[in-house]
Amino acid sequence: MKRNPLIVLLILLIFFVISFLTNILGPIIPDIIESFDLSLALAGFLPFSFFVAYGVMSIPAGLLVEKYQEKKVLLAAFMMAFMGALIFALYTGFTIALVSLFIIGIGMAMLQVVINPLLRTAGGETHFAFNSVLGQLAFGAASFLSPKLYSYLVTNIHTGSTSPFIKILNPLVPDQMNWVSLYWVFAVIALVMVIILSLVKFPKVALADDEKINIQGAFKELMANKTVHLYFLGIFCYVGTEQGIANWISKFLQTYHHLDPAAEGARTISYFWGLLTLGCLLGLILLKVMDSKTVLRLFTSGAIITLLLALFGTVEMALVAFPLTGFFASVMWSVIVSLALNSVPRHHGTLSGLLCTGIVGGAVVPLIVGALAEIIGLRLAMLFLLVTLGYIFSIGIWATPLVKNATIASIKDLFHRQN
C-alpha cells in the first residue's frame, strides 16, 4: 500500500496503549514480592510469564492477520488484554498473576505482529527507522506516565481520600494490596480500546506477498539464513536488556539504598521511560544525519557506561544513571528492527514474526538476573546485562543492510542524480 499517515498515527496510539498497559511490572515487583512473600528468583517469573507469550504467539498471530485482517486481530488482542487485566484484578494470587500476565502477553504479541510490518508498509521502508523511533516515542511517553499513576493509586487507596475515582476503587482493592488497583484501570483502558476500534472504519491493507507470513517456503528460507538468526538474537538481547533494567530498578534501589518503591523507585522508573522518550527525539534527528549503525554504537556505549555508574555509584548517581540507561536504550529497538528488515530482500512479514519471537528475551533475561541475584546478589547479577549490551554493540559493526536509512545527505545525493 502507499504511504498512509493515518495508519501510522493509529499505530502510534497502539504503541502508547501497549506500553501503558504492560510496562508497570518494574514499579510493582517490590510490592508483589512483599504481598506474596517471593524470592527474587520467583519474582523473575513475573516478566517471564508475560514475555514468553511472544515466543508462543508471534508466528500464529501473523497467520491470523492474513486470515482475519488487521482490525479483527487488533480487537481480539485488546480483548485478551482486558481479560488478563480483569483476572489479575479479581483474583489476587501468585499463580493467578502468572496466568493473567501470560494472557496479557498473548494480546500484546498479537498487536506487535500487526503493527511492525504495517508501520514499515504504511510509512515506507526508507523511513522505517524514523517512524519506528516515533513508535518508541509514544511507547516511552506512556511508560513515563504509568509509574506516576501507580504512585498516585498506592498512596491514596484506603486512605480516606475524597476523590470519586479512589472511592470507586476502594471496595475493589484488597487491603495491603493497593497495587491491584492498577489492573482495574488497565482493564478499563483495554475495554475502551476495544470499543474505539470497533467503531473506527479500518481500511483494508493489501500486503505484498513478501509482507505476509509463510510458514512453508519462506520460513525455511529465513531459518537457513544466518543473518536472520543474528538479528533474532539482537531483538532477544535488546528486550532482555530493557526489561532486565526496568524490572529490577525499584528492587535495586530498595535493597542497596533503602528507597521507597512507591516513591523514589516509581519515580526513577518513570524517568527511565521519560528519558527513553527524550532519547527518541534525539534519535529522530540523528537518524536523519547519521548512519543508523553509528547511532547504535554510540547509544549502546552510553548505556554500558551509565549502567555501571548506576550499579556501583552512590545513591545520587544511581538515581541519575538508571534513567540515563533508558535514554541510551531509546533507539536500539527501532534501529535493530529496521536493519533486520532492510537486510533481507523478501519475506518481511515472516521475518517480522520471527523477530517478534525474539521479544521472549524479556522473559529470559530478567529471570536469569533474578536467579543469579539469589546466589551473588542483585548488583552483581545485573552485570549480566553487559553481555546483552555487548551483543547489541556488535550489530553496529557487522550489520550490512541492503537499504540504508534515509539521511539528509542521501536524499540530497538522490536529488542531484535525478537532476
Protein backbone atom coordinates (compact mmCIF):
# COMPACT_ATOMS: atom_id res chain seq x y z
CA MET A 1 0.00 0.00 0.00
CA LYS A 2 1.01 3.64 -0.43
CA ARG A 3 2.27 5.69 2.49
CA ASN A 4 -0.68 6.35 4.81
CA PRO A 5 -0.13 8.86 7.65
CA LEU A 6 -3.45 7.94 9.29
CA ILE A 7 -2.38 4.31 9.66
CA VAL A 8 0.93 5.50 11.13
CA LEU A 9 -0.92 7.63 13.70
CA LEU A 10 -3.14 4.69 14.65
CA ILE A 11 -0.06 2.53 15.14
CA LEU A 12 1.49 5.19 17.39
CA LEU A 13 -1.67 5.19 19.54
CA ILE A 14 -1.44 1.42 19.86
CA PHE A 15 2.23 1.72 20.86
CA PHE A 16 1.14 4.13 23.60
CA VAL A 17 -1.56 1.82 24.97
CA ILE A 18 0.67 -1.27 24.81
CA SER A 19 3.24 0.47 26.94
CA PHE A 20 0.71 1.91 29.39
CA LEU A 21 -0.85 -1.50 29.94
CA THR A 22 2.27 -3.63 30.31
CA ASN A 23 5.34 -1.67 31.46
CA ILE A 24 4.21 -1.42 35.06
CA LEU A 25 5.85 -4.61 36.30
CA GLY A 26 9.07 -2.84 37.27
CA PRO A 27 7.47 -0.46 39.79
CA ILE A 28 5.16 -3.08 41.32
CA ILE A 29 7.61 -6.01 41.59
CA PRO A 30 8.71 -4.99 45.14
CA ASP A 31 5.03 -4.84 46.17
CA ILE A 32 4.26 -8.23 44.62
CA ILE A 33 7.33 -9.73 46.33
CA GLU A 34 6.04 -8.42 49.67
CA SER A 35 2.39 -9.38 49.07
CA PHE A 36 3.19 -12.96 48.08
CA ASP A 37 6.44 -13.36 50.07
CA LEU A 38 8.50 -14.22 46.98
CA SER A 39 12.20 -14.78 46.47
CA LEU A 40 13.96 -12.78 43.76
CA ALA A 41 14.14 -15.91 41.64
CA LEU A 42 10.37 -16.44 41.84
CA ALA A 43 9.76 -12.75 41.16
CA GLY A 44 11.69 -13.21 37.92
CA PHE A 45 8.86 -15.45 36.70
CA LEU A 46 6.51 -12.44 36.55
CA PRO A 47 8.14 -10.84 33.49
CA PHE A 48 8.87 -14.36 32.22
CA SER A 49 5.15 -15.20 32.11
CA PHE A 50 4.40 -12.05 30.16
CA PHE A 51 7.20 -12.12 27.61
CA VAL A 52 7.24 -15.86 26.99
CA ALA A 53 3.87 -15.30 25.32
CA TYR A 54 5.72 -13.62 22.45
CA GLY A 55 7.58 -16.82 21.74
CA VAL A 56 4.30 -18.73 21.71
CA MET A 57 2.07 -16.33 19.78
CA SER A 58 4.13 -14.27 17.33
CA ILE A 59 4.03 -16.67 14.37
CA PRO A 60 0.38 -17.75 14.89
CA ALA A 61 -0.58 -14.08 15.17
CA GLY A 62 0.90 -13.40 11.75
CA LEU A 63 -1.23 -16.17 10.27
CA LEU A 64 -4.31 -14.75 11.99
CA VAL A 65 -3.66 -11.36 10.40
CA GLU A 66 -3.62 -12.92 6.93
CA LYS A 67 -6.84 -14.85 7.55
CA TYR A 68 -8.91 -12.32 9.51
CA GLN A 69 -7.28 -8.95 8.64
CA GLU A 70 -5.83 -6.32 10.95
CA LYS A 71 -8.95 -4.96 12.64
CA LYS A 72 -10.20 -8.32 13.93
CA VAL A 73 -6.77 -9.23 15.27
CA LEU A 74 -6.46 -5.84 16.99
CA LEU A 75 -9.88 -6.30 18.61
CA ALA A 76 -9.02 -9.83 19.74
CA ALA A 77 -5.69 -8.63 21.15
CA PHE A 78 -7.26 -5.93 23.28
CA MET A 79 -9.95 -8.36 24.45
CA MET A 80 -7.15 -10.66 25.64
CA ALA A 81 -5.56 -7.69 27.46
CA PHE A 82 -8.93 -6.85 29.04
CA MET A 83 -9.50 -10.41 30.27
CA GLY A 84 -5.93 -10.74 31.57
CA ALA A 85 -6.09 -7.46 33.50
CA LEU A 86 -9.54 -8.29 34.89
CA ILE A 87 -8.35 -11.70 36.14
CA PHE A 88 -5.36 -10.03 37.82
CA ALA A 89 -7.69 -7.51 39.48
CA LEU A 90 -10.29 -10.04 40.66
CA TYR A 91 -8.08 -12.87 41.93
CA THR A 92 -5.02 -11.99 43.97
CA GLY A 93 -2.55 -14.85 43.97
CA PHE A 94 0.88 -15.56 42.57
CA THR A 95 -0.26 -18.38 40.27
CA ILE A 96 -3.19 -16.30 39.00
CA ALA A 97 -0.78 -13.42 38.41
CA LEU A 98 1.39 -15.62 36.20
CA VAL A 99 -1.62 -16.81 34.20
CA SER A 100 -3.07 -13.32 33.74
CA LEU A 101 0.27 -11.88 32.68
CA PHE A 102 0.60 -14.65 30.10
CA ILE A 103 -2.85 -13.79 28.72
CA ILE A 104 -1.95 -10.09 28.51
CA GLY A 105 1.31 -11.07 26.83
CA ILE A 106 -0.59 -13.08 24.20
CA GLY A 107 -2.61 -9.97 23.38
CA MET A 108 0.45 -7.76 23.18
CA ALA A 109 2.25 -10.27 20.94
CA MET A 110 -0.70 -10.12 18.55
CA LEU A 111 -0.51 -6.33 18.49
CA GLN A 112 3.24 -6.29 17.84
CA VAL A 113 2.91 -8.63 14.87
CA VAL A 114 0.22 -6.42 13.33
CA ILE A 115 1.90 -3.06 13.83
CA ASN A 116 5.52 -3.72 12.84
CA PRO A 117 5.09 -4.75 9.18
CA LEU A 118 2.16 -2.36 8.92
CA LEU A 119 4.35 0.53 10.05
CA ARG A 120 7.03 -0.40 7.53
CA THR A 121 4.46 -0.62 4.73
CA ALA A 122 2.39 2.44 5.65
CA GLY A 123 5.38 4.68 6.33
CA GLY A 124 7.76 3.49 3.60
CA GLU A 125 10.81 1.27 4.02
CA THR A 126 13.42 4.05 3.83
CA HIS A 127 11.58 5.90 6.60
CA PHE A 128 11.03 2.82 8.73
CA ALA A 129 13.81 3.60 11.21
CA PHE A 130 12.45 7.13 11.67
CA ASN A 131 8.83 6.01 12.09
CA SER A 132 9.90 3.20 14.40
CA VAL A 133 11.59 5.74 16.66
CA LEU A 134 8.31 7.67 16.66
CA GLY A 135 6.71 4.47 17.93
CA GLN A 136 9.30 4.28 20.68
CA LEU A 137 8.50 7.92 21.47
CA ALA A 138 4.85 7.04 22.08
CA PHE A 139 5.91 3.89 23.94
CA GLY A 140 8.23 5.82 26.25
CA ALA A 141 5.68 8.56 26.92
CA ALA A 142 3.12 6.03 28.18
CA SER A 143 5.74 4.22 30.25
CA PHE A 144 6.65 7.57 31.83
CA LEU A 145 3.04 8.10 32.92
CA SER A 146 2.16 4.62 34.22
CA PRO A 147 4.57 4.67 37.23
CA LYS A 148 3.11 8.05 38.19
CA LEU A 149 -0.36 6.52 38.13
CA TYR A 150 0.99 3.69 40.30
CA SER A 151 2.37 6.15 42.87
CA TYR A 152 -0.91 8.06 42.95
CA LEU A 153 -3.03 4.95 43.43
CA VAL A 154 -0.96 3.15 46.08
CA THR A 155 -0.65 6.32 48.18
CA ASN A 156 -4.38 7.14 48.03
CA ILE A 157 -6.23 3.80 48.07
CA HIS A 158 -7.70 3.02 51.53
CA THR A 159 -6.58 6.38 52.94
CA GLY A 160 -9.95 8.12 53.20
CA SER A 161 -9.36 10.12 50.03
CA THR A 162 -12.41 12.04 48.84
CA SER A 163 -11.54 11.55 45.16
CA PRO A 164 -14.50 9.94 43.32
CA PHE A 165 -12.00 7.85 41.36
CA ILE A 166 -10.44 6.47 44.54
CA LYS A 167 -13.85 5.90 46.14
CA ILE A 168 -14.84 3.66 43.22
CA LEU A 169 -11.63 1.62 43.52
CA ASN A 170 -11.53 1.27 47.32
CA PRO A 171 -14.07 -1.59 47.65
CA LEU A 172 -12.50 -3.42 44.69
CA VAL A 173 -8.95 -3.49 46.08
CA PRO A 174 -7.81 -5.87 48.88
CA ASP A 175 -6.21 -4.38 51.98
CA GLN A 176 -2.41 -4.23 51.86
CA MET A 177 -2.51 -4.77 48.07
CA ASN A 178 -3.09 -1.25 46.79
CA TRP A 179 -1.12 -2.05 43.63
CA VAL A 180 -4.02 -4.26 42.43
CA SER A 181 -5.92 -1.04 41.63
CA LEU A 182 -3.68 -0.59 38.58
CA TYR A 183 -5.13 -3.64 36.91
CA TRP A 184 -8.69 -2.38 37.34
CA VAL A 185 -7.59 0.75 35.47
CA PHE A 186 -5.82 -1.30 32.81
CA ALA A 187 -8.91 -3.47 32.27
CA VAL A 188 -10.97 -0.34 31.63
CA ILE A 189 -8.37 1.05 29.21
CA ALA A 190 -8.26 -2.20 27.22
CA LEU A 191 -12.06 -2.29 27.05
CA VAL A 192 -12.16 1.32 25.84
CA MET A 193 -9.69 0.41 23.08
CA VAL A 194 -11.98 -2.45 22.02
CA ILE A 195 -14.88 -0.02 21.77
CA ILE A 196 -12.86 2.58 19.83
CA LEU A 197 -11.52 0.05 17.34
CA SER A 198 -14.96 -1.45 16.81
CA LEU A 199 -16.31 1.98 15.86
CA VAL A 200 -13.43 3.02 13.60
CA LYS A 201 -13.60 2.12 9.93
CA PHE A 202 -10.29 0.37 9.47
CA PRO A 203 -9.02 0.38 5.88
CA LYS A 204 -8.16 -2.93 4.30
CA VAL A 205 -4.41 -3.32 3.99
CA ALA A 206 -3.28 -5.32 0.98
CA LEU A 207 0.16 -6.63 1.85
CA ALA A 208 2.52 -7.76 -0.87
CA ASP A 209 3.49 -11.42 -0.98
CA ASP A 210 6.81 -10.70 0.73
CA GLU A 211 5.00 -8.90 3.58
CA LYS A 212 2.95 -11.99 4.50
CA ILE A 213 3.89 -14.78 6.86
CA ASN A 214 4.70 -18.01 5.05
CA ILE A 215 5.42 -20.91 7.36
CA GLN A 216 6.47 -23.16 4.50
CA GLY A 217 8.99 -21.99 1.91
CA ALA A 218 9.64 -18.52 3.39
CA PHE A 219 10.04 -19.84 6.92
CA LYS A 220 12.51 -22.49 5.85
CA GLU A 221 14.45 -19.99 3.75
CA LEU A 222 14.71 -17.48 6.59
CA MET A 223 15.63 -20.12 9.17
CA ALA A 224 18.51 -21.17 6.93
CA ASN A 225 19.74 -17.56 6.78
CA LYS A 226 22.45 -16.85 9.37
CA THR A 227 21.66 -13.12 9.23
CA VAL A 228 18.12 -13.79 10.47
CA HIS A 229 19.50 -15.72 13.46
CA LEU A 230 21.81 -12.83 14.31
CA TYR A 231 19.03 -10.24 14.25
CA PHE A 232 16.72 -12.52 16.22
CA LEU A 233 19.41 -12.61 18.90
CA GLY A 234 19.66 -8.82 18.64
CA ILE A 235 15.96 -8.40 19.45
CA PHE A 236 16.32 -11.01 22.22
CA CYS A 237 19.19 -9.04 23.77
CA TYR A 238 17.53 -5.65 23.43
CA VAL A 239 14.22 -6.60 25.06
CA GLY A 240 16.10 -8.58 27.69
CA THR A 241 18.26 -5.55 28.46
CA GLU A 242 15.34 -3.13 28.61
CA GLN A 243 13.28 -5.35 30.88
CA GLY A 244 16.30 -6.51 32.87
CA ILE A 245 16.91 -2.90 33.84
CA ALA A 246 13.34 -1.61 34.18
CA ASN A 247 12.07 -4.61 36.17
CA TRP A 248 14.86 -4.53 38.74
CA ILE A 249 15.49 -0.79 39.23
CA SER A 250 12.99 -0.38 42.05
CA LYS A 251 14.12 -3.51 43.90
CA PHE A 252 17.77 -2.48 43.49
CA LEU A 253 17.12 0.96 44.98
CA GLN A 254 15.16 -0.62 47.85
CA THR A 255 17.84 -3.23 48.56
CA TYR A 256 21.02 -1.17 48.30
CA HIS A 257 19.85 2.38 49.02
CA HIS A 258 16.72 1.75 51.18
CA LEU A 259 14.45 3.85 48.99
CA ASP A 260 10.66 3.52 48.92
CA PRO A 261 9.48 1.61 45.81
CA ALA A 262 6.24 3.62 45.69
CA ALA A 263 8.10 6.92 45.75
CA GLU A 264 11.73 7.03 44.61
CA GLY A 265 11.52 3.62 42.91
CA ALA A 266 8.48 4.51 40.80
CA ARG A 267 9.86 7.98 40.10
CA THR A 268 13.17 6.58 38.86
CA ILE A 269 11.44 4.10 36.56
CA SER A 270 9.23 6.91 35.29
CA TYR A 271 12.35 8.92 34.50
CA PHE A 272 13.85 5.84 32.83
CA TRP A 273 10.95 5.77 30.37
CA GLY A 274 10.80 9.56 30.19
CA LEU A 275 14.44 9.81 29.14
CA LEU A 276 13.83 6.97 26.72
CA THR A 277 11.28 9.31 25.18
CA LEU A 278 13.75 12.20 25.03
CA GLY A 279 16.32 9.85 23.54
CA CYS A 280 13.82 9.07 20.80
CA LEU A 281 13.63 12.78 19.98
CA LEU A 282 17.40 12.96 19.64
CA GLY A 283 17.34 9.71 17.69
CA LEU A 284 14.88 11.22 15.20
CA ILE A 285 17.42 13.93 14.45
CA LEU A 286 20.49 11.68 14.43
CA LEU A 287 18.89 9.16 12.05
CA LYS A 288 18.45 11.97 9.55
CA VAL A 289 22.13 12.98 9.66
CA MET A 290 23.98 9.76 10.60
CA ASP A 291 24.03 6.12 9.56
CA SER A 292 21.88 4.01 11.89
CA LYS A 293 24.81 1.68 12.66
CA THR A 294 26.82 4.61 14.03
CA VAL A 295 23.85 5.75 16.11
CA LEU A 296 23.50 2.23 17.54
CA ARG A 297 27.18 2.06 18.55
CA LEU A 298 27.09 5.47 20.23
CA PHE A 299 23.92 4.83 22.21
CA THR A 300 24.96 1.32 23.27
CA SER A 301 28.27 2.64 24.60
CA GLY A 302 26.38 5.23 26.63
CA ALA A 303 24.08 2.53 28.05
CA ILE A 304 27.03 0.41 29.20
CA ILE A 305 28.71 3.34 30.96
CA THR A 306 25.56 4.56 32.72
CA LEU A 307 24.58 1.05 33.82
CA LEU A 308 27.95 0.61 35.54
CA LEU A 309 27.59 4.00 37.24
CA ALA A 310 24.11 3.07 38.44
CA LEU A 311 25.22 -0.27 39.89
CA PHE A 312 28.42 0.85 41.61
CA GLY A 313 27.91 4.56 42.25
CA THR A 314 26.33 6.42 45.15
CA VAL A 315 22.59 6.69 45.64
CA GLU A 316 22.67 10.08 43.93
CA MET A 317 24.50 8.59 40.96
CA ALA A 318 22.07 5.65 40.77
CA LEU A 319 19.05 7.96 40.69
CA VAL A 320 20.54 9.75 37.68
CA ALA A 321 22.33 6.90 35.90
CA PHE A 322 19.42 4.41 35.85
CA PRO A 323 17.18 6.83 33.93
CA LEU A 324 20.07 7.60 31.59
CA THR A 325 20.22 3.94 30.60
CA GLY A 326 16.71 4.46 29.28
CA PHE A 327 17.90 7.44 27.27
CA PHE A 328 20.62 5.39 25.62
CA ALA A 329 18.32 2.40 25.02
CA SER A 330 15.83 4.59 23.18
CA VAL A 331 16.84 3.92 19.58
CA MET A 332 18.05 0.34 19.91
CA TRP A 333 14.78 -1.44 19.11
CA SER A 334 13.94 0.69 16.09
CA VAL A 335 17.43 0.55 14.62
CA ILE A 336 17.80 -3.22 15.09
CA VAL A 337 14.38 -3.94 13.54
CA SER A 338 14.98 -1.60 10.61
CA LEU A 339 18.44 -3.06 9.97
CA ALA A 340 16.96 -6.56 10.07
CA LEU A 341 14.09 -5.87 7.68
CA ASN A 342 16.35 -3.90 5.35
CA SER A 343 18.97 -6.68 5.35
CA VAL A 344 16.64 -9.31 3.86
CA PRO A 345 15.25 -8.78 0.34
CA ARG A 346 11.90 -10.55 0.80
CA HIS A 347 9.54 -12.37 3.18
CA HIS A 348 9.35 -9.37 5.51
CA GLY A 349 6.07 -10.47 7.08
CA THR A 350 7.50 -13.83 8.04
CA LEU A 351 10.72 -12.16 9.20
CA SER A 352 8.74 -9.74 11.38
CA GLY A 353 7.01 -12.68 13.04
CA LEU A 354 10.35 -14.36 13.68
CA LEU A 355 11.81 -11.14 15.09
CA CYS A 356 8.83 -10.70 17.40
CA THR A 357 9.51 -14.11 18.90
CA GLY A 358 12.84 -12.60 19.97
CA ILE A 359 10.88 -10.48 22.44
CA VAL A 360 10.99 -13.62 24.59
CA GLY A 361 14.32 -12.16 25.71
CA GLY A 362 12.23 -10.02 28.05
CA ALA A 363 11.20 -13.28 29.73
CA VAL A 364 14.58 -14.96 29.90
CA VAL A 365 16.98 -12.16 30.88
CA PRO A 366 15.08 -10.84 33.96
CA LEU A 367 14.64 -14.46 35.06
CA ILE A 368 18.40 -15.04 34.75
CA VAL A 369 19.09 -11.85 36.72
CA GLY A 370 16.66 -12.94 39.45
CA ALA A 371 18.19 -16.41 39.67
CA LEU A 372 21.72 -15.01 39.80
CA ALA A 373 20.64 -12.49 42.45
CA GLU A 374 19.75 -15.36 44.80
CA ILE A 375 23.39 -16.53 44.54
CA ILE A 376 25.56 -13.42 44.14
CA GLY A 377 23.23 -10.52 44.94
CA LEU A 378 21.22 -8.26 42.66
CA ARG A 379 24.07 -5.80 41.99
CA LEU A 380 26.43 -8.40 40.53
CA ALA A 381 23.57 -10.26 38.88
CA MET A 382 22.70 -7.16 36.84
CA LEU A 383 26.19 -7.24 35.32
CA PHE A 384 24.78 -9.99 33.11
CA LEU A 385 23.26 -7.13 31.11
CA LEU A 386 26.74 -6.25 29.87
CA VAL A 387 26.60 -9.45 27.81
CA THR A 388 23.37 -8.41 26.07
CA LEU A 389 24.54 -4.84 25.57
CA GLY A 390 27.84 -6.09 24.15
CA TYR A 391 25.99 -8.08 21.52
CA ILE A 392 23.83 -5.08 20.59
CA PHE A 393 27.01 -3.02 20.14
CA SER A 394 28.38 -5.68 17.79
CA ILE A 395 25.37 -5.26 15.48
CA GLY A 396 26.55 -1.73 14.78
CA ILE A 397 29.79 -3.24 13.46
CA TRP A 398 28.74 -6.22 11.35
CA ALA A 399 25.32 -5.17 10.01
CA THR A 400 25.22 -4.83 6.19
CA PRO A 401 21.69 -3.65 5.24
CA LEU A 402 20.59 -3.75 1.61
CA VAL A 403 18.71 -0.48 2.16
CA LYS A 404 20.27 2.17 4.39
CA ASN A 405 18.21 4.64 6.41
CA ALA A 406 17.37 7.83 4.53
CA THR A 407 19.55 10.72 5.74
CA ILE A 408 19.63 14.32 4.61
CA ALA A 409 22.86 13.62 2.73
CA SER A 410 21.43 10.57 0.93
CA ILE A 411 18.29 12.48 -0.05
CA LYS A 412 20.42 15.32 -1.48
CA ASP A 413 22.53 12.82 -3.45
CA LEU A 414 19.38 11.21 -4.86
CA PHE A 415 18.01 14.63 -5.84
CA HIS A 416 21.23 15.58 -7.63
CA ARG A 417 21.33 12.24 -9.51
CA GLN A 418 17.75 12.74 -10.71
CA ASN A 419 18.56 16.19 -11.94
